[in-house]
Amino acid sequence: WQAWHAWAVMNFEAVLHYKHQNQARDEKKKLRHASGASITSANTEGSNSESDAESTENSPIPSPVQKKVTEVPFFPVYVERLFFGSISLSRGNNLQDTLRVLTLWFDYGHWPDVNEALVEGVKAIQIDTWLQVIPQLIARIDTPRPLVGRLIHQLLTDIGRYHPQALIYPLTVASKSTTTARHNAANKILKNMCEHSNTLVQQAMMVS
């Protein structure tokens, strides 16, 4: 378990590194476009290192780092599988690993390969694992990303089947949201729960 965990965490940090690197590069491009093409020669001479970095970015032959950045979808798939392996083997507190899974899920789960790894991983670990991150899952039920939202809904439906009491309150609160997408998403899951826990759902709706 510890070997799985350590290797997963190391690769997770690599994913975060490339994510932040991409964000910094995108931000730099935005600033460059905003400032326009009116850059003085003095400023150009004073920013040789930046120019070198930009020339590397625009190079037709990507550097090893660039190649890793462009291939970053591979990393989340690999790391997700490592974390699911770590979680399935652990017998203690696996909250941090579960939260890292959610980070990758919410950031990269819209990619089909990552989604496929998530679907497999969710099936491979105990449903009780997700009880500790119900608030995080509920917070994303109205995500605009279809693949991410579909799997979240499926997982919450499964949790509701085995642990309806753990899900009923946060879902009822979400169903009262003034945001249409959130309201509809919560009600859809509650409707599924009615198939096996109708009395509980009706009581919760009356109390709320």
N, C-alpha and C. Protein backbone atom coordinates (compact mmCIF):
# COMPACT_ATOMS: atom_id res chain seq x y z
N TRP A 1 0.83 -1.21 0.00
CA TRP A 1 0.00 0.00 0.00
C TRP A 1 0.86 1.26 0.00
N GLN A 2 1.88 1.30 0.86
CA GLN A 2 2.71 2.50 0.98
C GLN A 2 3.46 2.79 -0.32
N ALA A 3 3.88 1.74 -1.01
CA ALA A 3 4.58 1.92 -2.28
C ALA A 3 3.64 2.52 -3.32
N TRP A 4 2.42 2.00 -3.40
CA TRP A 4 1.42 2.55 -4.32
C TRP A 4 1.17 4.02 -4.00
N HIS A 5 1.01 4.29 -2.71
CA HIS A 5 0.69 5.65 -2.28
C HIS A 5 1.82 6.62 -2.63
N ALA A 6 3.05 6.24 -2.30
CA ALA A 6 4.20 7.13 -2.53
C ALA A 6 4.38 7.41 -4.02
N TRP A 7 4.26 6.38 -4.84
CA TRP A 7 4.43 6.55 -6.28
C TRP A 7 3.30 7.40 -6.86
N ALA A 8 2.09 7.18 -6.35
CA ALA A 8 0.94 7.97 -6.82
C ALA A 8 1.10 9.44 -6.47
N VAL A 9 1.54 9.72 -5.25
CA VAL A 9 1.70 11.12 -4.82
C VAL A 9 2.77 11.82 -5.65
N MET A 10 3.86 11.12 -5.92
CA MET A 10 4.93 11.73 -6.70
C MET A 10 4.43 12.10 -8.10
N ASN A 11 3.69 11.20 -8.72
CA ASN A 11 3.16 11.48 -10.06
C ASN A 11 2.05 12.51 -10.02
N PHE A 12 1.31 12.55 -8.93
CA PHE A 12 0.29 13.58 -8.76
C PHE A 12 0.93 14.97 -8.74
N GLU A 13 2.05 15.08 -8.05
CA GLU A 13 2.77 16.35 -8.01
C GLU A 13 3.26 16.74 -9.41
N ALA A 14 3.61 15.74 -10.21
CA ALA A 14 4.03 16.03 -11.58
C ALA A 14 2.87 16.59 -12.40
N VAL A 15 1.69 16.01 -12.20
CA VAL A 15 0.50 16.51 -12.90
C VAL A 15 0.24 17.96 -12.52
N LEU A 16 0.31 18.26 -11.23
CA LEU A 16 0.09 19.64 -10.78
C LEU A 16 1.13 20.58 -11.36
N HIS A 17 2.37 20.10 -11.43
CA HIS A 17 3.45 20.93 -11.99
C HIS A 17 3.15 21.31 -13.44
N TYR A 18 2.76 20.33 -14.25
CA TYR A 18 2.48 20.60 -15.66
C TYR A 18 1.22 21.43 -15.82
N LYS A 19 0.27 21.23 -14.92
CA LYS A 19 -0.95 22.04 -14.97
C LYS A 19 -0.61 23.51 -14.72
N HIS A 20 0.17 23.76 -13.68
CA HIS A 20 0.55 25.14 -13.35
C HIS A 20 1.43 25.74 -14.45
N GLN A 21 2.26 24.90 -15.04
CA GLN A 21 3.11 25.37 -16.13
C GLN A 21 2.26 25.80 -17.33
N ASN A 22 1.24 25.00 -17.64
CA ASN A 22 0.33 25.36 -18.73
C ASN A 22 -0.42 26.65 -18.42
N GLN A 23 -0.87 26.78 -17.18
CA GLN A 23 -1.61 27.98 -16.79
C GLN A 23 -0.72 29.22 -16.90
N ALA A 24 0.53 29.08 -16.46
CA ALA A 24 1.45 30.22 -16.53
C ALA A 24 1.72 30.60 -17.98
N ARG A 25 1.88 29.60 -18.84
CA ARG A 25 2.13 29.89 -20.24
C ARG A 25 0.93 30.57 -20.90
N ASP A 26 -0.27 30.07 -20.57
CA ASP A 26 -1.49 30.68 -21.12
C ASP A 26 -1.64 32.13 -20.65
N GLU A 27 -1.32 32.35 -19.37
CA GLU A 27 -1.43 33.71 -18.83
C GLU A 27 -0.43 34.63 -19.51
N LYS A 28 0.75 34.11 -19.76
CA LYS A 28 1.77 34.92 -20.42
C LYS A 28 1.34 35.29 -21.84
N LYS A 29 0.71 34.34 -22.51
CA LYS A 29 0.22 34.62 -23.87
C LYS A 29 -0.87 35.69 -23.85
N LYS A 30 -1.75 35.61 -22.86
CA LYS A 30 -2.81 36.62 -22.76
C LYS A 30 -2.23 38.01 -22.54
N LEU A 31 -1.23 38.08 -21.65
CA LEU A 31 -0.60 39.37 -21.38
C LEU A 31 0.12 39.89 -22.61
N ARG A 32 0.73 38.99 -23.35
CA ARG A 32 1.46 39.39 -24.55
C ARG A 32 0.50 39.93 -25.61
N HIS A 33 -0.64 39.27 -25.77
CA HIS A 33 -1.63 39.74 -26.74
C HIS A 33 -2.24 41.07 -26.29
N ALA A 34 -2.44 41.20 -24.98
CA ALA A 34 -3.05 42.43 -24.46
C ALA A 34 -2.13 43.63 -24.65
N SER A 35 -0.85 43.40 -24.49
CA SER A 35 0.10 44.51 -24.61
C SER A 35 0.36 44.88 -26.07
N GLY A 36 0.00 43.98 -26.98
CA GLY A 36 0.17 44.26 -28.41
C GLY A 36 1.60 44.06 -28.86
N ALA A 37 1.89 44.53 -30.03
CA ALA A 37 3.20 44.31 -30.62
C ALA A 37 4.17 45.46 -30.37
N SER A 38 3.74 46.47 -29.60
CA SER A 38 4.59 47.65 -29.38
C SER A 38 5.55 47.43 -28.23
N ILE A 39 6.55 46.62 -28.45
CA ILE A 39 7.57 46.36 -27.43
C ILE A 39 8.87 47.03 -27.88
N THR A 40 9.44 47.83 -27.05
CA THR A 40 10.65 48.56 -27.41
C THR A 40 11.85 47.63 -27.45
N SER A 41 12.86 48.06 -28.18
CA SER A 41 14.07 47.25 -28.28
C SER A 41 14.76 47.13 -26.93
N ALA A 42 14.63 48.17 -26.11
CA ALA A 42 15.26 48.12 -24.78
C ALA A 42 14.62 47.04 -23.93
N ASN A 43 13.29 46.98 -24.00
CA ASN A 43 12.59 45.95 -23.24
C ASN A 43 12.93 44.57 -23.76
N THR A 44 13.10 44.49 -25.08
CA THR A 44 13.43 43.20 -25.68
C THR A 44 14.79 42.72 -25.21
N GLU A 45 15.76 43.67 -25.17
CA GLU A 45 17.10 43.30 -24.72
C GLU A 45 17.10 42.93 -23.25
N GLY A 46 16.19 43.55 -22.49
CA GLY A 46 16.16 43.29 -21.05
C GLY A 46 15.42 42.04 -20.68
N SER A 47 14.88 41.36 -21.71
CA SER A 47 14.10 40.15 -21.41
C SER A 47 14.54 39.01 -22.30
N ASN A 48 15.85 38.82 -22.38
CA ASN A 48 16.37 37.76 -23.24
C ASN A 48 15.90 36.39 -22.80
N SER A 49 15.86 36.21 -21.48
CA SER A 49 15.44 34.90 -20.99
C SER A 49 14.00 34.60 -21.37
N GLU A 50 13.16 35.65 -21.32
CA GLU A 50 11.76 35.47 -21.69
C GLU A 50 11.64 35.15 -23.17
N SER A 51 12.47 35.86 -23.99
CA SER A 51 12.44 35.63 -25.43
C SER A 51 12.88 34.21 -25.74
N ASP A 52 13.89 33.74 -25.01
CA ASP A 52 14.34 32.37 -25.21
C ASP A 52 13.24 31.39 -24.90
N ALA A 53 12.51 31.67 -23.81
CA ALA A 53 11.41 30.77 -23.43
C ALA A 53 10.33 30.77 -24.49
N GLU A 54 10.04 31.96 -25.04
CA GLU A 54 9.00 32.06 -26.05
C GLU A 54 9.41 31.34 -27.33
N SER A 55 10.71 31.46 -27.68
CA SER A 55 11.17 30.79 -28.88
C SER A 55 11.10 29.28 -28.72
N THR A 56 11.31 28.82 -27.48
CA THR A 56 11.19 27.40 -27.21
C THR A 56 9.75 26.95 -27.37
N GLU A 57 8.82 27.79 -26.88
CA GLU A 57 7.40 27.46 -27.00
C GLU A 57 6.98 27.35 -28.45
N ASN A 58 7.51 28.25 -29.30
CA ASN A 58 7.11 28.30 -30.70
C ASN A 58 7.94 27.38 -31.58
N SER A 59 8.89 26.70 -31.01
CA SER A 59 9.75 25.82 -31.78
C SER A 59 8.94 24.68 -32.37
N PRO A 60 9.18 24.32 -33.65
CA PRO A 60 8.44 23.20 -34.26
C PRO A 60 8.81 21.87 -33.65
N ILE A 61 9.98 21.80 -32.99
CA ILE A 61 10.40 20.57 -32.32
C ILE A 61 10.28 20.78 -30.83
N PRO A 62 9.27 20.18 -30.18
CA PRO A 62 9.05 20.44 -28.76
C PRO A 62 10.16 19.87 -27.90
N SER A 63 10.47 20.58 -26.84
CA SER A 63 11.45 20.10 -25.88
C SER A 63 10.84 18.96 -25.09
N PRO A 64 11.65 18.18 -24.33
CA PRO A 64 11.09 17.10 -23.51
C PRO A 64 10.02 17.58 -22.56
N VAL A 65 10.23 18.77 -21.95
CA VAL A 65 9.23 19.29 -21.01
C VAL A 65 7.95 19.61 -21.75
N GLN A 66 8.09 20.28 -22.93
CA GLN A 66 6.90 20.62 -23.71
C GLN A 66 6.14 19.36 -24.10
N LYS A 67 6.89 18.34 -24.49
CA LYS A 67 6.24 17.11 -24.91
C LYS A 67 5.42 16.53 -23.77
N LYS A 68 5.98 16.56 -22.57
CA LYS A 68 5.25 16.05 -21.41
C LYS A 68 4.00 16.87 -21.15
N VAL A 69 4.12 18.19 -21.34
CA VAL A 69 2.96 19.05 -21.12
C VAL A 69 1.85 18.72 -22.09
N THR A 70 2.22 18.55 -23.38
CA THR A 70 1.19 18.27 -24.38
C THR A 70 0.62 16.87 -24.21
N GLU A 71 1.36 16.00 -23.54
CA GLU A 71 0.87 14.65 -23.33
C GLU A 71 0.31 14.46 -21.93
N VAL A 72 0.03 15.57 -21.25
CA VAL A 72 -0.42 15.49 -19.86
C VAL A 72 -1.65 14.61 -19.65
N PRO A 73 -2.55 14.37 -20.64
CA PRO A 73 -3.66 13.44 -20.41
C PRO A 73 -3.21 12.07 -19.95
N PHE A 74 -2.00 11.65 -20.38
CA PHE A 74 -1.50 10.35 -19.95
C PHE A 74 -1.30 10.30 -18.44
N PHE A 75 -0.80 11.37 -17.87
CA PHE A 75 -0.49 11.39 -16.45
C PHE A 75 -1.72 11.19 -15.58
N PRO A 76 -2.82 11.93 -15.79
CA PRO A 76 -3.99 11.70 -14.94
C PRO A 76 -4.51 10.27 -14.98
N VAL A 77 -4.50 9.66 -16.16
CA VAL A 77 -4.96 8.26 -16.27
C VAL A 77 -4.08 7.37 -15.41
N TYR A 78 -2.79 7.52 -15.56
CA TYR A 78 -1.83 6.71 -14.81
C TYR A 78 -1.96 6.94 -13.31
N VAL A 79 -2.03 8.21 -12.92
CA VAL A 79 -2.08 8.56 -11.50
C VAL A 79 -3.41 8.13 -10.88
N GLU A 80 -4.50 8.28 -11.61
CA GLU A 80 -5.79 7.81 -11.10
C GLU A 80 -5.71 6.33 -10.75
N ARG A 81 -5.14 5.54 -11.63
CA ARG A 81 -5.03 4.10 -11.39
C ARG A 81 -4.15 3.79 -10.18
N LEU A 82 -3.09 4.57 -10.04
CA LEU A 82 -2.22 4.39 -8.86
C LEU A 82 -2.98 4.70 -7.57
N PHE A 83 -3.72 5.79 -7.57
CA PHE A 83 -4.46 6.16 -6.36
C PHE A 83 -5.57 5.15 -6.05
N PHE A 84 -6.25 4.68 -7.07
CA PHE A 84 -7.28 3.68 -6.82
C PHE A 84 -6.66 2.39 -6.27
N GLY A 85 -5.47 2.04 -6.77
CA GLY A 85 -4.77 0.89 -6.22
C GLY A 85 -4.39 1.11 -4.77
N SER A 86 -3.90 2.30 -4.46
CA SER A 86 -3.53 2.65 -3.09
C SER A 86 -4.74 2.60 -2.17
N ILE A 87 -5.85 3.17 -2.63
CA ILE A 87 -7.07 3.21 -1.81
C ILE A 87 -7.61 1.80 -1.56
N SER A 88 -7.59 0.97 -2.60
CA SER A 88 -8.14 -0.38 -2.46
C SER A 88 -7.30 -1.24 -1.51
N LEU A 89 -6.01 -0.94 -1.41
CA LEU A 89 -5.12 -1.73 -0.55
C LEU A 89 -5.02 -1.18 0.86
N SER A 90 -5.35 0.09 1.05
CA SER A 90 -5.19 0.70 2.37
C SER A 90 -6.28 0.23 3.33
N ARG A 91 -5.91 0.15 4.59
CA ARG A 91 -6.87 -0.26 5.62
C ARG A 91 -7.13 0.86 6.61
N GLY A 92 -6.45 1.96 6.42
CA GLY A 92 -6.62 3.08 7.34
C GLY A 92 -7.30 4.25 6.66
N ASN A 93 -6.92 5.44 7.08
CA ASN A 93 -7.51 6.66 6.54
C ASN A 93 -6.96 6.95 5.15
N ASN A 94 -7.83 6.95 4.15
CA ASN A 94 -7.40 7.23 2.78
C ASN A 94 -8.03 8.51 2.24
N LEU A 95 -8.39 9.41 3.15
CA LEU A 95 -9.06 10.64 2.73
C LEU A 95 -8.22 11.46 1.77
N GLN A 96 -6.93 11.62 2.07
CA GLN A 96 -6.08 12.46 1.22
C GLN A 96 -5.97 11.90 -0.20
N ASP A 97 -5.84 10.58 -0.30
CA ASP A 97 -5.79 9.97 -1.63
C ASP A 97 -7.11 10.15 -2.37
N THR A 98 -8.20 10.03 -1.64
CA THR A 98 -9.52 10.20 -2.26
C THR A 98 -9.70 11.63 -2.75
N LEU A 99 -9.24 12.59 -1.97
CA LEU A 99 -9.33 13.99 -2.39
C LEU A 99 -8.46 14.25 -3.62
N ARG A 100 -7.32 13.59 -3.70
CA ARG A 100 -6.47 13.76 -4.88
C ARG A 100 -7.14 13.16 -6.11
N VAL A 101 -7.83 12.04 -5.92
CA VAL A 101 -8.61 11.47 -7.02
C VAL A 101 -9.64 12.47 -7.52
N LEU A 102 -10.32 13.13 -6.59
CA LEU A 102 -11.33 14.12 -6.97
C LEU A 102 -10.69 15.29 -7.72
N THR A 103 -9.51 15.72 -7.29
CA THR A 103 -8.83 16.82 -7.97
C THR A 103 -8.59 16.47 -9.44
N LEU A 104 -8.07 15.27 -9.68
CA LEU A 104 -7.83 14.83 -11.05
C LEU A 104 -9.14 14.64 -11.81
N TRP A 105 -10.13 14.11 -11.12
CA TRP A 105 -11.44 13.88 -11.71
C TRP A 105 -12.05 15.19 -12.21
N PHE A 106 -12.07 16.18 -11.35
CA PHE A 106 -12.71 17.45 -11.70
C PHE A 106 -11.91 18.24 -12.74
N ASP A 107 -10.58 18.05 -12.74
CA ASP A 107 -9.75 18.79 -13.69
C ASP A 107 -9.65 18.12 -15.06
N TYR A 108 -9.62 16.78 -15.06
CA TYR A 108 -9.34 16.06 -16.31
C TYR A 108 -10.39 15.02 -16.69
N GLY A 109 -11.43 14.89 -15.89
CA GLY A 109 -12.43 13.85 -16.14
C GLY A 109 -13.25 14.04 -17.40
N HIS A 110 -13.14 15.20 -18.04
CA HIS A 110 -13.86 15.43 -19.29
C HIS A 110 -13.14 14.78 -20.47
N TRP A 111 -11.92 14.30 -20.26
CA TRP A 111 -11.21 13.57 -21.30
C TRP A 111 -11.64 12.10 -21.26
N PRO A 112 -12.00 11.51 -22.39
CA PRO A 112 -12.52 10.13 -22.41
C PRO A 112 -11.61 9.11 -21.75
N ASP A 113 -10.29 9.19 -21.99
CA ASP A 113 -9.38 8.22 -21.40
C ASP A 113 -9.36 8.32 -19.88
N VAL A 114 -9.38 9.53 -19.37
CA VAL A 114 -9.41 9.74 -17.92
C VAL A 114 -10.74 9.25 -17.36
N ASN A 115 -11.82 9.56 -18.05
CA ASN A 115 -13.14 9.12 -17.60
C ASN A 115 -13.22 7.60 -17.52
N GLU A 116 -12.64 6.94 -18.51
CA GLU A 116 -12.65 5.48 -18.53
C GLU A 116 -11.90 4.92 -17.33
N ALA A 117 -10.75 5.51 -17.01
CA ALA A 117 -9.99 5.07 -15.84
C ALA A 117 -10.76 5.32 -14.56
N LEU A 118 -11.49 6.42 -14.50
CA LEU A 118 -12.30 6.73 -13.32
C LEU A 118 -13.44 5.73 -13.15
N VAL A 119 -14.11 5.41 -14.24
CA VAL A 119 -15.21 4.45 -14.18
C VAL A 119 -14.72 3.11 -13.63
N GLU A 120 -13.57 2.66 -14.14
CA GLU A 120 -12.99 1.40 -13.66
C GLU A 120 -12.60 1.50 -12.19
N GLY A 121 -12.00 2.62 -11.82
CA GLY A 121 -11.55 2.79 -10.44
C GLY A 121 -12.68 2.86 -9.44
N VAL A 122 -13.74 3.56 -9.81
CA VAL A 122 -14.90 3.69 -8.91
C VAL A 122 -15.49 2.31 -8.61
N LYS A 123 -15.49 1.44 -9.60
CA LYS A 123 -16.02 0.08 -9.41
C LYS A 123 -15.10 -0.77 -8.55
N ALA A 124 -13.82 -0.40 -8.51
CA ALA A 124 -12.83 -1.25 -7.86
C ALA A 124 -12.68 -1.02 -6.36
N ILE A 125 -13.21 0.09 -5.85
CA ILE A 125 -13.04 0.37 -4.42
C ILE A 125 -14.39 0.35 -3.70
N GLN A 126 -14.33 0.25 -2.38
CA GLN A 126 -15.54 0.18 -1.57
C GLN A 126 -16.37 1.46 -1.69
N ILE A 127 -17.67 1.30 -1.76
CA ILE A 127 -18.56 2.46 -1.87
C ILE A 127 -18.43 3.35 -0.64
N ASP A 128 -18.10 2.75 0.51
CA ASP A 128 -17.96 3.53 1.75
C ASP A 128 -16.84 4.57 1.66
N THR A 129 -15.89 4.33 0.78
CA THR A 129 -14.78 5.27 0.61
C THR A 129 -15.27 6.68 0.31
N TRP A 130 -16.37 6.77 -0.44
CA TRP A 130 -16.85 8.06 -0.92
C TRP A 130 -17.67 8.82 0.11
N LEU A 131 -18.01 8.17 1.22
CA LEU A 131 -18.82 8.85 2.24
C LEU A 131 -18.10 10.08 2.80
N GLN A 132 -16.78 10.02 2.85
CA GLN A 132 -16.01 11.12 3.43
C GLN A 132 -15.86 12.32 2.49
N VAL A 133 -16.28 12.16 1.23
CA VAL A 133 -16.15 13.28 0.28
C VAL A 133 -17.49 13.62 -0.37
N ILE A 134 -18.57 13.29 0.30
CA ILE A 134 -19.90 13.63 -0.24
C ILE A 134 -20.05 15.13 -0.50
N PRO A 135 -19.61 16.01 0.41
CA PRO A 135 -19.75 17.45 0.13
C PRO A 135 -19.06 17.88 -1.17
N GLN A 136 -17.89 17.32 -1.43
CA GLN A 136 -17.17 17.68 -2.66
C GLN A 136 -17.90 17.18 -3.90
N LEU A 137 -18.50 15.99 -3.80
CA LEU A 137 -19.26 15.45 -4.93
C LEU A 137 -20.52 16.27 -5.18
N ILE A 138 -21.23 16.59 -4.10
CA ILE A 138 -22.46 17.38 -4.23
C ILE A 138 -22.15 18.75 -4.84
N ALA A 139 -21.00 19.30 -4.48
CA ALA A 139 -20.64 20.63 -4.99
C ALA A 139 -20.48 20.65 -6.50
N ARG A 140 -20.27 19.46 -7.11
CA ARG A 140 -20.02 19.41 -8.55
C ARG A 140 -21.17 18.78 -9.34
N ILE A 141 -22.32 18.61 -8.74
CA ILE A 141 -23.41 17.92 -9.46
C ILE A 141 -23.92 18.73 -10.64
N ASP A 142 -23.65 20.02 -10.65
CA ASP A 142 -24.12 20.85 -11.77
C ASP A 142 -22.98 21.25 -12.70
N THR A 143 -21.91 20.46 -12.71
CA THR A 143 -20.79 20.76 -13.60
C THR A 143 -21.26 20.77 -15.05
N PRO A 144 -20.73 21.68 -15.86
CA PRO A 144 -21.12 21.73 -17.27
C PRO A 144 -20.43 20.67 -18.13
N ARG A 145 -19.52 19.91 -17.53
CA ARG A 145 -18.80 18.88 -18.28
C ARG A 145 -19.59 17.57 -18.23
N PRO A 146 -20.12 17.11 -19.36
CA PRO A 146 -21.02 15.95 -19.37
C PRO A 146 -20.43 14.68 -18.78
N LEU A 147 -19.20 14.32 -19.17
CA LEU A 147 -18.61 13.08 -18.67
C LEU A 147 -18.39 13.15 -17.16
N VAL A 148 -17.93 14.28 -16.69
CA VAL A 148 -17.71 14.45 -15.24
C VAL A 148 -19.03 14.36 -14.50
N GLY A 149 -20.03 15.08 -14.99
CA GLY A 149 -21.33 15.10 -14.34
C GLY A 149 -22.01 13.74 -14.33
N ARG A 150 -21.90 13.02 -15.44
CA ARG A 150 -22.56 11.71 -15.55
C ARG A 150 -22.02 10.73 -14.51
N LEU A 151 -20.70 10.71 -14.36
CA LEU A 151 -20.11 9.78 -13.40
C LEU A 151 -20.40 10.20 -11.96
N ILE A 152 -20.40 11.51 -11.70
CA ILE A 152 -20.77 11.99 -10.36
C ILE A 152 -22.19 11.56 -10.02
N HIS A 153 -23.10 11.73 -10.96
CA HIS A 153 -24.50 11.35 -10.72
C HIS A 153 -24.62 9.85 -10.48
N GLN A 154 -23.89 9.06 -11.27
CA GLN A 154 -23.95 7.62 -11.10
C GLN A 154 -23.41 7.21 -9.73
N LEU A 155 -22.29 7.81 -9.33
CA LEU A 155 -21.70 7.48 -8.04
C LEU A 155 -22.63 7.89 -6.90
N LEU A 156 -23.20 9.08 -6.97
CA LEU A 156 -24.12 9.53 -5.92
C LEU A 156 -25.36 8.65 -5.86
N THR A 157 -25.83 8.20 -7.01
CA THR A 157 -26.97 7.28 -7.04
C THR A 157 -26.62 5.98 -6.33
N ASP A 158 -25.41 5.47 -6.57
CA ASP A 158 -24.96 4.24 -5.90
C ASP A 158 -24.81 4.46 -4.40
N ILE A 159 -24.25 5.60 -4.01
CA ILE A 159 -24.12 5.91 -2.58
C ILE A 159 -25.50 5.97 -1.95
N GLY A 160 -26.44 6.60 -2.63
CA GLY A 160 -27.80 6.71 -2.12
C GLY A 160 -28.47 5.37 -1.94
N ARG A 161 -28.10 4.41 -2.76
CA ARG A 161 -28.68 3.07 -2.64
C ARG A 161 -28.19 2.36 -1.38
N TYR A 162 -26.92 2.53 -1.06
CA TYR A 162 -26.34 1.83 0.08
C TYR A 162 -26.36 2.66 1.37
N HIS A 163 -26.29 3.97 1.24
CA HIS A 163 -26.25 4.85 2.41
C HIS A 163 -27.16 6.06 2.19
N PRO A 164 -28.45 5.84 2.08
CA PRO A 164 -29.36 6.96 1.79
C PRO A 164 -29.34 8.05 2.86
N GLN A 165 -29.16 7.65 4.13
CA GLN A 165 -29.16 8.66 5.20
C GLN A 165 -28.00 9.64 5.06
N ALA A 166 -26.88 9.16 4.53
CA ALA A 166 -25.70 10.03 4.39
C ALA A 166 -25.87 11.05 3.27
N LEU A 167 -26.77 10.75 2.36
CA LEU A 167 -26.91 11.59 1.17
C LEU A 167 -28.13 12.49 1.19
N ILE A 168 -29.14 12.10 1.97
CA ILE A 168 -30.43 12.76 1.86
C ILE A 168 -30.37 14.25 2.22
N TYR A 169 -29.67 14.61 3.29
CA TYR A 169 -29.67 16.01 3.71
C TYR A 169 -28.97 16.93 2.71
N PRO A 170 -27.71 16.64 2.32
CA PRO A 170 -27.05 17.54 1.36
C PRO A 170 -27.76 17.61 0.02
N LEU A 171 -28.38 16.50 -0.40
CA LEU A 171 -29.12 16.52 -1.66
C LEU A 171 -30.37 17.37 -1.55
N THR A 172 -31.05 17.27 -0.41
CA THR A 172 -32.26 18.07 -0.21
C THR A 172 -31.93 19.56 -0.22
N VAL A 173 -30.82 19.92 0.41
CA VAL A 173 -30.38 21.31 0.40
C VAL A 173 -30.07 21.76 -1.03
N ALA A 174 -29.37 20.91 -1.77
CA ALA A 174 -29.03 21.25 -3.16
C ALA A 174 -30.27 21.39 -4.03
N SER A 175 -31.30 20.61 -3.72
CA SER A 175 -32.53 20.66 -4.52
C SER A 175 -33.27 21.98 -4.34
N LYS A 176 -32.95 22.72 -3.29
CA LYS A 176 -33.58 24.03 -3.04
C LYS A 176 -32.77 25.18 -3.65
N SER A 177 -31.71 24.84 -4.37
CA SER A 177 -30.85 25.86 -4.95
C SER A 177 -31.62 26.71 -5.97
N THR A 178 -31.27 27.97 -6.03
CA THR A 178 -31.87 28.86 -7.02
C THR A 178 -31.21 28.71 -8.40
N THR A 179 -30.10 27.98 -8.43
CA THR A 179 -29.44 27.69 -9.70
C THR A 179 -30.16 26.53 -10.37
N THR A 180 -30.68 26.75 -11.54
CA THR A 180 -31.52 25.75 -12.21
C THR A 180 -30.80 24.43 -12.41
N ALA A 181 -29.56 24.48 -12.90
CA ALA A 181 -28.82 23.25 -13.17
C ALA A 181 -28.60 22.44 -11.90
N ARG A 182 -28.27 23.12 -10.82
CA ARG A 182 -28.03 22.45 -9.54
C ARG A 182 -29.33 21.87 -8.99
N HIS A 183 -30.39 22.65 -9.05
CA HIS A 183 -31.71 22.21 -8.60
C HIS A 183 -32.14 20.96 -9.35
N ASN A 184 -32.00 20.97 -10.66
CA ASN A 184 -32.43 19.83 -11.48
C ASN A 184 -31.58 18.60 -11.23
N ALA A 185 -30.27 18.80 -11.09
CA ALA A 185 -29.37 17.67 -10.86
C ALA A 185 -29.67 16.98 -9.53
N ALA A 186 -29.89 17.76 -8.49
CA ALA A 186 -30.20 17.19 -7.18
C ALA A 186 -31.53 16.44 -7.21
N ASN A 187 -32.53 17.02 -7.85
CA ASN A 187 -33.84 16.38 -7.92
C ASN A 187 -33.80 15.08 -8.72
N LYS A 188 -32.94 15.04 -9.72
CA LYS A 188 -32.81 13.82 -10.51
C LYS A 188 -32.28 12.67 -9.66
N ILE A 189 -31.29 12.96 -8.82
CA ILE A 189 -30.74 11.92 -7.94
C ILE A 189 -31.75 11.54 -6.87
N LEU A 190 -32.46 12.53 -6.32
CA LEU A 190 -33.50 12.24 -5.32
C LEU A 190 -34.59 11.36 -5.92
N LYS A 191 -34.93 11.61 -7.16
CA LYS A 191 -35.94 10.79 -7.83
C LYS A 191 -35.47 9.34 -7.93
N ASN A 192 -34.19 9.15 -8.23
CA ASN A 192 -33.64 7.79 -8.26
C ASN A 192 -33.69 7.15 -6.88
N MET A 193 -33.44 7.94 -5.85
CA MET A 193 -33.47 7.41 -4.49
C MET A 193 -34.88 7.00 -4.08
N CYS A 194 -35.87 7.62 -4.66
CA CYS A 194 -37.26 7.28 -4.33
C CYS A 194 -37.59 5.83 -4.66
N GLU A 195 -36.84 5.24 -5.57
CA GLU A 195 -37.09 3.86 -5.97
C GLU A 195 -36.83 2.88 -4.83
N HIS A 196 -35.93 3.24 -3.91
CA HIS A 196 -35.61 2.32 -2.82
C HIS A 196 -35.76 2.97 -1.44
N SER A 197 -35.85 4.30 -1.38
CA SER A 197 -35.95 4.99 -0.08
C SER A 197 -36.99 6.11 -0.17
N ASN A 198 -38.14 5.78 -0.70
CA ASN A 198 -39.16 6.80 -0.95
C ASN A 198 -39.61 7.51 0.33
N THR A 199 -39.83 6.74 1.40
CA THR A 199 -40.28 7.33 2.66
C THR A 199 -39.28 8.34 3.19
N LEU A 200 -38.01 7.97 3.16
CA LEU A 200 -36.95 8.86 3.64
C LEU A 200 -36.91 10.15 2.82
N VAL A 201 -37.01 10.03 1.52
CA VAL A 201 -36.97 11.21 0.65
C VAL A 201 -38.16 12.12 0.91
N GLN A 202 -39.34 11.53 1.02
CA GLN A 202 -40.54 12.34 1.24
C GLN A 202 -40.49 13.05 2.59
N GLN A 203 -40.00 12.36 3.61
CA GLN A 203 -39.88 12.98 4.93
C GLN A 203 -38.88 14.14 4.90
N ALA A 204 -37.77 13.94 4.20
CA ALA A 204 -36.76 14.99 4.11
C ALA A 204 -37.30 16.21 3.38
N MET A 205 -38.06 15.98 2.33
CA MET A 205 -38.62 17.09 1.57
C MET A 205 -39.65 17.86 2.40
N MET A 206 -40.41 17.14 3.21
CA MET A 206 -41.41 17.80 4.06
C MET A 206 -40.73 18.65 5.13
N VAL A 207 -39.69 18.11 5.74
CA VAL A 207 -38.98 18.83 6.81
C VAL A 207 -38.30 20.07 6.25
N SER A 208 -37.72 19.96 5.06
CA SER A 208 -37.00 21.09 4.48
C SER A 208 -37.96 22.17 4.01
